[in-house]
């Protein structure tokens, strides 16, 4: 038998660029402004502080805003890529053909971070994968060095200094995407943001996704 590395219970975070970002950024920003005028109160979430969050209904506005359709297609493909690379071994064992699996975006929303706005650590329920797309994201600076999404490790931390389990001792990781990039991650992983210390607003789109097998 040849050597074989079996990777069990991986935690994959997939970083992907939206190549049409520059083409659609202004239209997407216009959508967020129009939405906020129509729904000035937005969604009040217990995990939020000093920010505007839309309801989870952004997908329903695709017909009126073609830019959203392009973004939704990008998000759907990103979910498929992340899920396939994470599940391909078990799907092979279960004789599941990836081409017979469909995706469904169960919720999509946007957040406009005001000065000092942030999101407390939380997870997403009722789905398997989530994502965040940075529509308007000022670059990290001395005033705002921790812009991005902060993930907490799902592993039990080792109290040993043994070099063999060094990978378990990283309690968290802050990933700072560039504007136009997205992060796709398991919905069960705890994530949050640091307070927005930049005078420029940070606007992101998020979505949840579930997967189904065609009958």
Protein backbone atom coordinates (compact mmCIF):
# COMPACT_ATOMS: atom_id res chain seq x y z
CA UNK A 1 0.00 0.00 0.00
CA UNK A 2 1.29 3.44 -0.89
CA UNK A 3 1.55 6.19 1.69
CA UNK A 4 -1.75 8.05 2.01
CA UNK A 5 -2.52 11.19 3.97
CA UNK A 6 -6.14 11.16 5.19
CA UNK A 7 -7.33 14.67 6.02
CA UNK A 8 -10.31 14.43 8.38
CA UNK A 9 -12.59 17.22 9.54
CA UNK A 10 -10.82 19.98 7.64
CA UNK A 11 -11.62 23.65 8.08
CA UNK A 12 -11.28 25.23 4.68
CA UNK A 13 -11.59 28.95 3.99
CA UNK A 14 -11.70 29.73 0.28
CA UNK A 15 -10.54 33.18 -0.89
CA UNK A 16 -11.79 34.16 -4.35
CA UNK A 17 -11.72 37.34 -6.46
CA UNK A 18 -14.79 38.73 -8.22
CA UNK A 19 -13.24 39.64 -11.56
CA UNK A 20 -16.18 41.88 -12.51
CA UNK A 21 -15.80 43.92 -9.31
CA UNK A 22 -14.66 47.12 -11.04
CA UNK A 23 -17.47 46.84 -13.60
CA UNK A 24 -20.23 46.51 -10.99
CA UNK A 25 -18.96 48.29 -7.87
CA UNK A 26 -20.74 51.61 -8.54
CA UNK A 27 -24.02 49.86 -9.39
CA UNK A 28 -23.80 47.71 -6.26
CA UNK A 29 -23.13 50.80 -4.15
CA UNK A 30 -26.18 52.45 -5.74
CA UNK A 31 -28.23 49.41 -4.80
CA UNK A 32 -27.17 49.66 -1.15
CA UNK A 33 -28.11 53.37 -1.10
CA UNK A 34 -31.50 52.70 -2.69
CA UNK A 35 -32.14 49.83 -0.28
CA UNK A 36 -31.30 51.96 2.77
CA UNK A 37 -33.71 54.66 1.60
CA UNK A 38 -36.48 52.09 1.19
CA UNK A 39 -35.74 50.30 4.48
CA UNK A 40 -34.09 52.92 6.72
CA UNK A 41 -34.25 50.76 9.84
CA UNK A 42 -32.73 47.66 8.27
CA UNK A 43 -32.35 44.57 10.39
CA UNK A 44 -31.67 44.90 14.10
CA UNK A 45 -29.34 42.07 15.12
CA UNK A 46 -28.10 41.33 18.65
CA UNK A 47 -24.66 40.56 17.23
CA UNK A 48 -24.31 44.01 15.62
CA UNK A 49 -22.97 47.32 16.90
CA UNK A 50 -23.00 50.69 15.12
CA UNK A 51 -23.75 49.49 11.61
CA UNK A 52 -26.54 49.16 9.08
CA UNK A 53 -27.55 45.62 8.11
CA UNK A 54 -30.11 44.85 5.43
CA UNK A 55 -32.72 42.13 5.71
CA UNK A 56 -31.83 38.72 4.28
CA UNK A 57 -33.74 39.40 1.05
CA UNK A 58 -31.14 40.87 -1.30
CA UNK A 59 -31.60 38.07 -3.87
CA UNK A 60 -35.19 39.19 -4.42
CA UNK A 61 -33.96 42.43 -6.02
CA UNK A 62 -32.06 40.76 -8.89
CA UNK A 63 -34.66 41.68 -11.54
CA UNK A 64 -34.28 45.39 -10.79
CA UNK A 65 -30.49 45.37 -10.41
CA UNK A 66 -28.59 43.29 -13.02
CA UNK A 67 -25.36 43.84 -11.08
CA UNK A 68 -26.79 41.62 -8.34
CA UNK A 69 -27.25 38.76 -10.78
CA UNK A 70 -23.54 38.87 -11.64
CA UNK A 71 -22.63 38.92 -7.95
CA UNK A 72 -25.01 36.05 -7.14
CA UNK A 73 -23.50 33.94 -9.93
CA UNK A 74 -20.02 34.61 -8.55
CA UNK A 75 -21.15 33.70 -5.04
CA UNK A 76 -22.87 30.51 -6.20
CA UNK A 77 -19.76 29.35 -8.06
CA UNK A 78 -17.61 30.12 -5.04
CA UNK A 79 -19.85 28.03 -2.80
CA UNK A 80 -19.65 25.14 -5.28
CA UNK A 81 -15.85 25.29 -5.43
CA UNK A 82 -15.47 25.44 -1.65
CA UNK A 83 -17.92 22.60 -1.00
CA UNK A 84 -16.46 20.36 -3.72
CA UNK A 85 -12.85 20.64 -2.55
CA UNK A 86 -13.90 20.05 1.06
CA UNK A 87 -16.28 17.13 0.40
CA UNK A 88 -14.80 15.44 -2.67
CA UNK A 89 -13.34 12.52 -0.69
CA UNK A 90 -16.54 11.67 1.18
CA UNK A 91 -18.66 12.32 -1.93
CA UNK A 92 -16.49 9.79 -3.78
CA UNK A 93 -16.97 7.21 -1.02
CA UNK A 94 -20.73 7.80 -1.06
CA UNK A 95 -20.75 7.65 -4.88
CA UNK A 96 -22.19 11.14 -5.15
CA UNK A 97 -21.70 12.83 -8.50
CA UNK A 98 -20.91 16.54 -7.87
CA UNK A 99 -22.76 17.42 -11.07
CA UNK A 100 -25.95 16.12 -9.41
CA UNK A 101 -25.68 18.54 -6.51
CA UNK A 102 -27.39 21.93 -6.64
CA UNK A 103 -26.80 24.99 -4.50
CA UNK A 104 -29.38 27.27 -2.95
CA UNK A 105 -28.55 30.66 -1.49
CA UNK A 106 -30.85 30.66 1.51
CA UNK A 107 -30.09 34.23 2.60
CA UNK A 108 -28.17 37.21 1.24
CA UNK A 109 -27.64 40.60 2.84
CA UNK A 110 -25.23 43.53 3.11
CA UNK A 111 -23.67 45.43 6.00
CA UNK A 112 -22.54 49.06 6.02
CA UNK A 113 -20.06 49.52 8.89
CA UNK A 114 -20.14 52.97 10.43
CA UNK A 115 -17.23 54.37 12.42
CA UNK A 116 -16.43 51.91 15.24
CA UNK A 117 -19.03 49.47 13.90
CA UNK A 118 -18.39 45.76 14.38
CA UNK A 119 -20.02 42.33 14.62
CA UNK A 120 -19.72 40.13 17.72
CA UNK A 121 -18.52 36.50 17.36
CA UNK A 122 -21.30 34.33 15.95
CA UNK A 123 -22.13 31.43 13.64
CA UNK A 124 -24.84 30.96 10.99
CA UNK A 125 -27.55 28.33 11.31
CA UNK A 126 -29.73 26.53 8.78
CA UNK A 127 -27.01 26.26 6.13
CA UNK A 128 -23.65 24.60 5.50
CA UNK A 129 -21.52 27.40 4.00
CA UNK A 130 -21.36 31.17 4.39
CA UNK A 131 -19.38 33.93 2.73
CA UNK A 132 -18.44 37.59 2.87
CA UNK A 133 -17.63 39.79 -0.15
CA UNK A 134 -15.80 43.07 0.36
CA UNK A 135 -17.51 45.62 -1.88
CA UNK A 136 -15.97 48.74 -0.34
CA UNK A 137 -12.98 48.05 1.84
CA UNK A 138 -10.40 50.67 2.79
CA UNK A 139 -6.95 49.10 3.02
CA UNK A 140 -5.60 48.26 6.44
CA UNK A 141 -3.73 51.15 8.01
CA UNK A 142 -2.08 52.11 11.28
CA UNK A 143 -5.47 53.42 12.42
CA UNK A 144 -7.30 50.29 11.28
CA UNK A 145 -4.79 47.40 11.20
CA UNK A 146 -7.36 44.67 11.80
CA UNK A 147 -9.85 45.31 9.02
CA UNK A 148 -11.17 42.00 7.75
CA UNK A 149 -12.93 38.93 9.10
CA UNK A 150 -11.76 37.25 12.29
CA UNK A 151 -12.12 33.46 12.59
CA UNK A 152 -11.85 31.39 15.78
CA UNK A 153 -10.32 27.92 15.65
CA UNK A 154 -12.84 25.05 16.00
CA UNK A 155 -10.16 22.77 17.48
CA UNK A 156 -9.46 22.13 21.12
CA UNK A 157 -6.20 23.90 21.87
CA UNK A 158 -3.23 21.85 22.99
CA UNK A 159 -1.45 22.93 26.17
CA UNK A 160 1.64 21.10 24.99
CA UNK A 161 4.70 22.76 23.48
CA UNK A 162 5.31 19.70 21.32
CA UNK A 163 6.13 20.88 17.81
CA UNK A 164 4.04 18.07 16.36
CA UNK A 165 0.80 19.87 17.19
CA UNK A 166 1.88 23.45 16.52
CA UNK A 167 -1.04 23.82 14.10
CA UNK A 168 -3.55 23.42 16.94
CA UNK A 169 -2.20 26.32 18.97
CA UNK A 170 -3.35 29.12 16.66
CA UNK A 171 -6.50 30.20 18.47
CA UNK A 172 -7.71 32.54 15.74
CA UNK A 173 -6.83 34.06 12.39
CA UNK A 174 -7.74 37.49 11.02
CA UNK A 175 -7.98 37.45 7.21
CA UNK A 176 -7.97 40.80 5.43
CA UNK A 177 -9.26 40.48 1.86
CA UNK A 178 -8.73 43.21 -0.68
CA UNK A 179 -11.68 45.06 -2.13
CA UNK A 180 -13.40 42.80 -4.65
CA UNK A 181 -12.43 39.57 -2.85
CA UNK A 182 -14.64 37.12 -0.99
CA UNK A 183 -14.14 34.53 1.73
CA UNK A 184 -16.17 31.30 1.74
CA UNK A 185 -16.21 29.34 5.01
CA UNK A 186 -18.17 26.67 6.93
CA UNK A 187 -21.19 28.23 8.61
CA UNK A 188 -20.30 26.53 11.91
CA UNK A 189 -17.03 28.40 12.34
CA UNK A 190 -17.20 31.31 14.79
CA UNK A 191 -16.38 34.62 13.11
CA UNK A 192 -16.55 38.33 13.85
CA UNK A 193 -15.08 41.70 12.90
CA UNK A 194 -12.98 44.22 14.77
CA UNK A 195 -14.36 47.77 15.16
CA UNK A 196 -14.06 49.83 11.98
CA UNK A 197 -11.48 52.50 12.84
CA UNK A 198 -11.31 53.90 9.33
CA UNK A 199 -13.18 57.11 8.46
CA UNK A 200 -14.24 55.46 5.20
CA UNK A 201 -17.15 53.06 5.47
CA UNK A 202 -16.69 49.36 4.95
CA UNK A 203 -19.51 47.71 2.96
CA UNK A 204 -19.74 43.95 2.58
CA UNK A 205 -22.22 41.45 1.14
CA UNK A 206 -22.81 38.13 2.90
CA UNK A 207 -24.73 34.99 2.00
CA UNK A 208 -25.60 31.54 3.32
CA UNK A 209 -25.88 28.44 1.15
CA UNK A 210 -27.28 24.92 1.38
CA UNK A 211 -26.66 21.99 -0.98
CA UNK A 212 -29.16 19.46 -2.33
CA UNK A 213 -28.94 16.33 -4.45
CA UNK A 214 -31.05 16.23 -7.59
CA UNK A 215 -33.75 13.54 -7.41
